[in-house]
Protein backbone atom coordinates (compact mmCIF):
# COMPACT_ATOMS: atom_id res chain seq x y z
CA MET A 1 -38.26 16.96 -76.56
CA ASN A 2 -35.30 16.22 -78.80
CA PHE A 3 -34.13 12.77 -77.73
CA LEU A 4 -30.56 13.58 -78.78
CA SER A 5 -30.36 15.88 -75.76
CA LEU A 6 -30.98 12.90 -73.48
CA PRO A 7 -27.92 11.15 -72.02
CA SER A 8 -26.93 8.21 -74.18
CA TYR A 9 -24.31 5.94 -72.73
CA GLY A 10 -23.57 3.72 -75.69
CA TYR A 11 -26.88 3.17 -77.47
CA LEU A 12 -30.21 4.71 -78.31
CA ILE A 13 -33.48 2.86 -78.10
CA ILE A 14 -34.18 4.14 -81.61
CA ILE A 15 -31.24 4.27 -83.97
CA PRO A 16 -32.18 5.87 -87.25
CA THR A 17 -29.16 6.05 -89.54
CA LEU A 18 -28.79 9.82 -89.09
CA TYR A 19 -28.49 9.53 -85.30
CA VAL A 20 -25.68 6.96 -84.92
CA LEU A 21 -22.78 9.42 -85.13
CA PRO A 22 -24.46 12.16 -83.01
CA ALA A 23 -25.42 9.55 -80.39
CA LEU A 24 -21.83 8.36 -80.16
CA GLN A 25 -20.51 11.92 -79.96
CA ASN A 26 -23.01 12.68 -77.18
CA SER A 27 -22.01 9.51 -75.30
CA LEU A 28 -18.33 10.40 -75.55
CA LYS A 29 -19.03 13.90 -74.26
CA CYS A 30 -21.13 12.59 -71.33
CA LEU A 31 -18.50 10.00 -70.44
CA GLY A 32 -15.54 12.36 -70.96
CA LEU A 33 -13.85 9.95 -73.39
CA ASP A 34 -12.16 10.26 -76.78
CA TYR A 35 -13.39 6.90 -78.07
CA LEU A 36 -15.39 3.79 -77.12
CA ASP A 37 -14.27 0.21 -77.55
CA PRO A 38 -16.42 -1.48 -78.69
CA TYR A 39 -19.47 0.41 -79.96
CA LEU A 40 -22.41 -1.95 -80.52
CA VAL A 41 -25.70 -2.00 -82.35
CA HIS A 42 -27.71 -3.03 -79.31
CA CYS A 43 -30.56 -4.84 -81.00
CA PRO A 44 -31.59 -5.36 -84.63
CA MET A 45 -34.88 -3.49 -84.35
CA SER A 46 -36.21 0.04 -84.41
CA ALA A 47 -39.19 1.68 -82.72
CA LYS A 48 -41.25 4.70 -83.68
CA PRO A 49 -39.55 7.96 -82.54
CA GLU A 50 -42.22 8.75 -79.94
CA ILE A 51 -41.64 5.44 -78.12
CA ARG A 52 -39.40 5.95 -75.07
CA LYS A 53 -39.39 2.50 -73.51
CA PHE A 54 -37.93 -0.89 -74.07
CA ALA A 55 -39.95 -4.06 -74.64
CA TYR A 56 -41.96 -2.96 -77.62
CA GLU A 57 -45.33 -4.05 -78.85
CA GLU A 58 -45.47 -5.09 -82.49
CA HIS A 59 -47.37 -1.97 -83.64
CA GLU A 60 -44.59 0.25 -82.15
CA LEU A 61 -41.88 -1.21 -84.40
CA MET A 62 -40.54 0.26 -87.63
CA PRO A 63 -38.43 -1.28 -90.39
CA PHE A 64 -34.78 -1.46 -89.31
CA ASP A 65 -32.23 -0.13 -91.83
CA MET A 66 -29.32 -2.40 -90.93
CA LYS A 67 -27.30 -1.46 -94.01
CA GLY A 68 -27.62 2.25 -93.25
CA VAL A 69 -26.96 1.82 -89.53
CA TRP A 70 -23.89 -0.30 -90.21
CA ALA A 71 -22.54 2.28 -92.70
CA SER A 72 -22.89 4.86 -89.91
CA MET A 73 -21.09 2.53 -87.48
CA GLU A 74 -18.25 2.18 -90.01
CA GLN A 75 -18.12 6.00 -90.26
CA CYS A 76 -17.72 6.21 -86.46
CA HIS A 77 -14.87 3.69 -86.66
CA ASN A 78 -13.19 5.49 -89.57
CA LEU A 79 -13.32 8.77 -87.61
CA GLY A 80 -11.48 7.09 -84.73
CA LEU A 81 -14.42 7.52 -82.32
CA THR A 82 -14.51 3.78 -81.69
CA LYS A 83 -11.74 1.20 -81.87
CA SER A 84 -14.07 -1.61 -82.87
CA ILE A 85 -17.70 -1.99 -83.85
CA GLY A 86 -20.02 -4.88 -83.24
CA VAL A 87 -23.51 -6.10 -82.58
CA SER A 88 -25.56 -7.37 -79.68
CA ASN A 89 -28.42 -9.85 -79.67
CA PHE A 90 -27.83 -10.90 -83.28
CA SER A 91 -28.79 -14.44 -84.27
CA THR A 92 -27.00 -16.35 -87.01
CA LYS A 93 -29.75 -15.29 -89.42
CA LYS A 94 -29.32 -11.59 -88.52
CA LEU A 95 -25.53 -11.89 -88.90
CA GLU A 96 -26.01 -13.38 -92.36
CA HIS A 97 -27.80 -10.16 -93.34
CA LEU A 98 -24.53 -8.32 -92.56
CA SER A 99 -22.86 -9.68 -95.69
CA PHE A 100 -22.27 -6.15 -97.04
CA PRO A 101 -19.94 -4.42 -94.54
CA SER A 102 -16.43 -3.25 -95.38
CA ILE A 103 -15.70 -3.55 -91.66
CA PRO A 104 -17.19 -6.78 -90.27
CA PRO A 105 -18.47 -6.86 -86.69
CA ALA A 106 -15.67 -7.55 -84.23
CA VAL A 107 -18.03 -8.83 -81.54
CA ASN A 108 -21.52 -10.21 -80.99
CA GLN A 109 -22.70 -9.80 -77.40
CA VAL A 110 -25.44 -12.30 -76.57
CA GLU A 111 -26.94 -14.01 -73.57
CA LEU A 112 -24.67 -16.93 -72.90
CA ASN A 113 -24.58 -19.09 -69.78
CA PRO A 114 -24.64 -22.74 -68.70
CA SER A 115 -28.39 -22.89 -69.36
CA TRP A 116 -28.23 -21.07 -72.72
CA GLN A 117 -25.03 -22.03 -74.56
CA GLN A 118 -25.91 -21.07 -78.16
CA LYS A 119 -23.49 -23.57 -79.69
CA ASN A 120 -24.56 -23.01 -83.33
CA LEU A 121 -24.24 -19.23 -82.99
CA ARG A 122 -20.81 -19.56 -81.37
CA GLU A 123 -19.63 -21.88 -84.16
CA TYR A 124 -20.93 -19.50 -86.83
CA CYS A 125 -19.20 -16.53 -85.20
CA ARG A 126 -15.94 -18.46 -84.79
CA GLY A 127 -16.01 -19.24 -88.51
CA LYS A 128 -16.52 -15.56 -89.37
CA GLY A 129 -13.89 -14.25 -86.92
CA ILE A 130 -16.51 -12.61 -84.68
CA VAL A 131 -15.76 -12.74 -80.97
CA VAL A 132 -18.75 -13.77 -78.87
CA THR A 133 -19.08 -12.02 -75.51
CA ALA A 134 -21.59 -13.03 -72.87
CA TYR A 135 -24.06 -11.08 -70.87
CA SER A 136 -25.81 -12.82 -67.98
CA PRO A 137 -23.02 -15.44 -67.78
CA LEU A 138 -24.51 -16.90 -64.60
CA GLY A 139 -28.04 -17.01 -65.99
CA ALA A 140 -30.81 -14.51 -66.53
CA ARG A 141 -34.31 -14.09 -65.16
CA GLY A 142 -36.36 -17.03 -66.35
CA THR A 143 -33.42 -19.43 -66.74
CA GLU A 144 -32.48 -22.18 -64.34
CA PRO A 145 -30.25 -20.63 -61.68
CA VAL A 146 -26.64 -21.66 -61.36
CA THR A 147 -26.47 -23.29 -57.97
CA VAL A 148 -23.58 -23.21 -55.52
CA VAL A 149 -23.26 -26.99 -55.93
CA MET A 150 -22.86 -26.61 -59.71
CA VAL A 151 -20.21 -23.90 -59.27
CA LEU A 152 -18.27 -25.97 -56.71
CA TRP A 153 -18.47 -29.07 -58.91
CA THR A 154 -17.23 -27.07 -61.92
CA MET A 155 -14.37 -25.58 -59.86
CA ASN A 156 -13.33 -29.08 -58.80
CA CYS A 157 -13.47 -30.42 -62.38
CA SER A 158 -11.58 -27.43 -63.75
CA ARG A 159 -8.74 -28.03 -61.29
CA LYS A 160 -8.56 -31.74 -62.14
CA LEU A 161 -8.68 -31.12 -65.91
CA HIS A 162 -6.53 -27.95 -65.80
CA MET A 163 -9.22 -26.02 -67.67
CA LEU A 164 -10.95 -22.72 -67.04
CA MET A 165 -14.43 -23.07 -65.54
CA GLU A 166 -15.87 -21.10 -68.45
CA LYS A 167 -14.53 -23.63 -70.95
CA LEU A 168 -16.13 -26.49 -69.04
CA TRP A 169 -19.49 -24.73 -68.99
CA LEU A 170 -19.38 -24.11 -72.72
CA ARG A 171 -18.65 -27.72 -73.62
């Protein structure tokens, strides 16, 4: 089965350089859109083509061609198929490997919540002009849950300090 015929709503589990543009075109067709904003490299890793699952074992991984993938992402941007390009799940070290792009990542989407604040990564991104967006902002499986008491306390503090709750949590 040709995996390009499978619906792809924004990313492929395997992203060889040659498949970035066709995957985006397929996603746009499936979604009935002219462009995406943003279009992200979901994770800095690549699996063997026959692997059709997520959560890989080490022997299922292949070398990841970040330079080639990013050049393809820039091509998608230059064609007007995406308004901005970015990354997801990139650590500071992985972002440092992106020192070659002509279009830097606009965004880095990472797990970010009161239990997992990633201060060093946020500071690095701020210095590079990369916007950090959060997934699992109220915590993910395996992290300490955000309790109702904590939310109510934060709401009360935010009113008293005239600050957004999110800013309090990230301090």
